[in-house]
Amino acid sequence: MSSDVHSSGDNEQGSLENIPAEWYDAFSHPRRVRLLAILGASRTQLSVTELTTAIVENEPFDGSTAHARRDVQTSLRHNHLPRLADHGIITWDGETGVELVAELPVARTTLTSLLELCERENCGRLLEALVHPTRLRLCTMVTDHDRPLSVETLASRLVSHDAASPSDPERATLSLYHTHLPLLADAGLLEFDPEAGVVTGHAPVPSLVQ
């Protein structure tokens, strides 16, 4: 299985923290990451058949190649391609080939890190937990410190620096306790003690969050 694909264009783009909102959904599923990497490397229109072949070559499958191809093509036609087209990221009408509307908005190093995450056993959970503006910011905050941080401290910093977070500390604290921190902890990206209200980071994917 190969991850030797890159973003289109010669210039390095931004980190995952700085991408347009619609790209968070695009990069939150391993098959969409591979699909976008393939399209970014091709710099041309590809058919669904060509995309299916490239993805089958880059994903682990149990069973026959024919079964894998059916699974991939069905997911592309009925999930991933319509979703990306609705976001305005690709052009595709169900019949014509697939093409990126613009080059990928991330650096090659960031795309490589995303593809490396796709190689992990629990890659779906990792991407779902991590690829979100607030949760990326949280990972940056906790990995920048060599000591535990309180949830209240994280909430205060989010309110001050993260436009995507709630505008007051109380709401931010609730969102951390009930949504963001449990997801990150469940994916193994940090340690969260809800009773003590303390968070400790693991620095799992620094090229994504720095």
Protein backbone atom coordinates (compact mmCIF):
# COMPACT_ATOMS: atom_id res chain seq x y z
CA MET A 1 0.00 0.00 0.00
CA SER A 2 1.46 3.36 -1.01
CA SER A 3 1.05 6.90 0.26
CA ASP A 4 3.20 8.47 -2.45
CA VAL A 5 0.76 11.19 -3.46
CA HIS A 6 0.98 14.92 -3.03
CA SER A 7 -1.09 18.07 -3.13
CA SER A 8 -1.35 19.83 -6.45
CA GLY A 9 0.65 22.92 -7.24
CA ASP A 10 4.24 23.75 -6.39
CA ASN A 11 3.60 26.04 -3.43
CA GLU A 12 3.17 24.81 0.12
CA GLN A 13 -0.26 25.70 1.47
CA GLY A 14 -1.43 26.22 5.04
CA SER A 15 -1.81 23.87 7.96
CA LEU A 16 -5.01 21.95 8.58
CA GLU A 17 -6.05 24.60 11.13
CA ASN A 18 -6.38 27.24 8.42
CA ILE A 19 -8.42 25.50 5.71
CA PRO A 20 -11.90 26.64 4.62
CA ALA A 21 -14.74 25.12 6.65
CA GLU A 22 -15.99 22.79 3.91
CA TRP A 23 -12.62 21.00 3.81
CA TYR A 24 -12.96 19.72 7.38
CA ASP A 25 -15.67 17.31 6.27
CA ALA A 26 -13.64 16.43 3.18
CA PHE A 27 -10.59 15.41 5.23
CA SER A 28 -12.46 13.68 8.06
CA HIS A 29 -12.80 10.28 6.35
CA PRO A 30 -9.85 8.11 5.21
CA ARG A 31 -11.36 7.27 1.83
CA ARG A 32 -11.96 10.95 1.08
CA VAL A 33 -8.38 11.77 2.09
CA ARG A 34 -7.05 9.18 -0.36
CA LEU A 35 -9.49 10.31 -3.05
CA LEU A 36 -8.44 13.95 -2.72
CA ALA A 37 -4.75 13.03 -2.67
CA ILE A 38 -5.18 11.03 -5.89
CA LEU A 39 -7.05 13.89 -7.58
CA GLY A 40 -4.46 16.40 -6.35
CA ALA A 41 -1.61 14.35 -7.76
CA SER A 42 -3.29 13.74 -11.13
CA ARG A 43 -3.95 17.41 -12.00
CA THR A 44 -6.49 16.17 -14.53
CA GLN A 45 -9.97 14.68 -14.77
CA LEU A 46 -10.26 11.04 -13.71
CA SER A 47 -13.09 8.60 -14.28
CA VAL A 48 -14.82 6.84 -11.40
CA THR A 49 -13.26 3.61 -12.68
CA GLU A 50 -9.77 5.12 -12.51
CA LEU A 51 -10.40 6.47 -9.03
CA THR A 52 -11.73 3.10 -7.90
CA THR A 53 -8.58 1.34 -9.14
CA ALA A 54 -6.29 3.86 -7.42
CA ILE A 55 -8.13 3.61 -4.10
CA VAL A 56 -8.21 -0.21 -4.16
CA GLU A 57 -4.43 -0.12 -4.65
CA ASN A 58 -4.03 2.17 -1.62
CA GLU A 59 -6.45 0.65 0.89
CA PRO A 60 -6.25 -2.63 2.82
CA PHE A 61 -9.04 -5.04 1.92
CA ASP A 62 -10.05 -8.51 3.05
CA GLY A 63 -11.49 -10.71 0.35
CA SER A 64 -11.43 -10.53 -3.42
CA THR A 65 -10.36 -7.58 -5.51
CA ALA A 66 -13.70 -7.69 -7.30
CA HIS A 67 -15.54 -7.27 -3.99
CA ALA A 68 -13.22 -4.42 -3.02
CA ARG A 69 -13.86 -2.66 -6.32
CA ARG A 70 -17.65 -2.93 -5.87
CA ASP A 71 -17.38 -1.58 -2.32
CA VAL A 72 -15.21 1.36 -3.34
CA GLN A 73 -17.22 2.28 -6.44
CA THR A 74 -20.51 2.16 -4.53
CA SER A 75 -19.14 4.37 -1.75
CA LEU A 76 -17.73 6.85 -4.29
CA ARG A 77 -20.94 7.17 -6.30
CA HIS A 78 -23.38 7.26 -3.39
CA ASN A 79 -21.39 8.99 -0.64
CA HIS A 80 -18.01 10.58 -1.18
CA LEU A 81 -18.29 12.11 -4.67
CA PRO A 82 -21.76 13.67 -4.13
CA ARG A 83 -20.58 14.98 -0.77
CA LEU A 84 -17.48 16.63 -2.23
CA ALA A 85 -19.47 17.99 -5.17
CA ASP A 86 -22.02 19.52 -2.79
CA HIS A 87 -19.15 21.28 -1.01
CA GLY A 88 -17.93 22.67 -4.36
CA ILE A 89 -14.60 20.85 -3.99
CA ILE A 90 -14.94 18.70 -7.12
CA THR A 91 -16.87 18.78 -10.36
CA TRP A 92 -18.88 15.62 -11.09
CA ASP A 93 -22.42 15.12 -12.36
CA GLY A 94 -22.71 11.36 -12.00
CA GLU A 95 -21.58 10.68 -15.55
CA THR A 96 -18.53 12.76 -16.44
CA GLY A 97 -15.09 12.42 -14.90
CA VAL A 98 -14.09 13.81 -11.53
CA GLU A 99 -11.84 16.85 -11.15
CA LEU A 100 -10.77 19.13 -8.31
CA VAL A 101 -12.14 22.65 -8.58
CA ALA A 102 -8.95 24.09 -7.01
CA GLU A 103 -5.72 22.71 -5.62
CA LEU A 104 -5.70 21.22 -2.14
CA PRO A 105 -5.47 23.90 0.57
CA VAL A 106 -2.90 22.05 2.72
CA ALA A 107 0.85 21.64 2.66
CA ARG A 108 2.36 18.47 1.23
CA THR A 109 3.63 17.59 4.70
CA THR A 110 0.12 17.91 6.12
CA LEU A 111 -1.35 15.73 3.37
CA THR A 112 1.37 13.15 4.00
CA SER A 113 0.51 13.15 7.71
CA LEU A 114 -3.17 12.66 6.90
CA LEU A 115 -2.29 9.71 4.67
CA GLU A 116 -0.13 8.26 7.43
CA LEU A 117 -3.11 8.50 9.77
CA CYS A 118 -5.12 6.57 7.18
CA GLU A 119 -2.65 3.70 7.59
CA ARG A 120 -3.51 3.25 11.26
CA GLU A 121 -5.92 0.61 12.45
CA ASN A 122 -8.37 3.11 13.98
CA CYS A 123 -7.88 5.73 11.27
CA GLY A 124 -11.60 6.49 10.88
CA ARG A 125 -11.97 7.38 14.54
CA LEU A 126 -8.73 9.39 14.52
CA LEU A 127 -9.73 11.51 11.56
CA GLU A 128 -13.27 12.05 12.80
CA ALA A 129 -11.94 13.20 16.16
CA LEU A 130 -9.03 15.32 14.98
CA VAL A 131 -10.11 17.03 11.75
CA HIS A 132 -12.17 19.79 13.30
CA PRO A 133 -11.05 23.41 13.89
CA THR A 134 -11.69 23.44 17.65
CA ARG A 135 -10.20 19.99 18.25
CA LEU A 136 -7.11 20.80 16.21
CA ARG A 137 -6.65 23.91 18.35
CA LEU A 138 -7.07 21.84 21.51
CA CYS A 139 -4.38 19.42 20.40
CA THR A 140 -2.06 22.34 19.75
CA MET A 141 -2.74 23.75 23.21
CA VAL A 142 -2.16 20.54 25.13
CA THR A 143 0.90 19.42 23.15
CA ASP A 144 2.53 22.82 23.67
CA HIS A 145 2.63 22.17 27.43
CA ASP A 146 4.55 19.54 29.36
CA ARG A 147 2.05 19.60 32.21
CA PRO A 148 -1.71 18.95 32.52
CA LEU A 149 -4.13 21.80 31.81
CA SER A 150 -7.51 22.39 33.38
CA VAL A 151 -10.64 22.38 31.23
CA GLU A 152 -11.37 25.92 32.39
CA THR A 153 -7.96 27.08 31.16
CA LEU A 154 -8.53 25.46 27.77
CA ALA A 155 -12.01 26.99 27.51
CA SER A 156 -10.67 30.46 28.30
CA ARG A 157 -7.95 30.13 25.67
CA LEU A 158 -10.39 28.88 23.06
CA VAL A 159 -12.69 31.87 23.66
CA SER A 160 -9.69 34.21 23.28
CA HIS A 161 -8.11 32.66 20.19
CA ASP A 162 -10.55 30.42 18.32
CA ALA A 163 -13.31 32.07 16.29
CA ALA A 164 -14.98 28.68 15.73
CA SER A 165 -15.56 28.14 19.47
CA PRO A 166 -18.40 29.47 21.64
CA SER A 167 -18.01 33.12 22.55
CA ASP A 168 -18.21 32.72 26.34
CA PRO A 169 -16.17 30.50 28.69
CA GLU A 170 -19.19 28.70 30.19
CA ARG A 171 -20.46 27.48 26.83
CA ALA A 172 -16.92 26.61 25.74
CA THR A 173 -16.41 24.60 28.93
CA LEU A 174 -19.62 22.64 28.34
CA SER A 175 -18.64 21.87 24.74
CA LEU A 176 -15.24 20.62 25.95
CA TYR A 177 -16.72 18.35 28.62
CA HIS A 178 -19.52 16.92 26.51
CA THR A 179 -18.13 16.85 22.96
CA HIS A 180 -14.55 17.69 22.09
CA LEU A 181 -12.49 16.19 24.92
CA PRO A 182 -14.39 12.86 25.09
CA LEU A 183 -13.93 12.42 21.31
CA LEU A 184 -10.20 13.18 21.45
CA ALA A 185 -9.70 10.96 24.48
CA ASP A 186 -11.64 8.08 22.90
CA ALA A 187 -9.38 8.29 19.84
CA GLY A 188 -6.30 8.19 22.07
CA LEU A 189 -5.16 11.69 21.14
CA LEU A 190 -5.05 12.98 24.71
CA GLU A 191 -5.93 11.99 28.28
CA PHE A 192 -9.00 13.54 29.87
CA ASP A 193 -10.03 13.14 33.49
CA PRO A 194 -13.58 14.58 33.65
CA GLU A 195 -13.82 14.26 37.43
CA ALA A 196 -10.62 16.23 38.00
CA GLY A 197 -11.25 18.48 34.99
CA VAL A 198 -7.69 17.92 33.73
CA VAL A 199 -6.30 17.27 30.23
CA THR A 200 -2.90 15.88 29.26
CA GLY A 201 -1.61 15.68 25.69
CA HIS A 202 0.30 13.00 23.79
CA ALA A 203 1.61 15.01 20.78
CA PRO A 204 0.32 12.32 18.38
CA VAL A 205 0.34 14.17 15.03
CA PRO A 206 2.28 17.42 15.44
CA SER A 207 2.54 18.15 11.71
CA LEU A 208 -1.27 18.49 11.62
CA VAL A 209 -1.70 20.70 14.65
CA GLN A 210 1.31 22.99 14.52
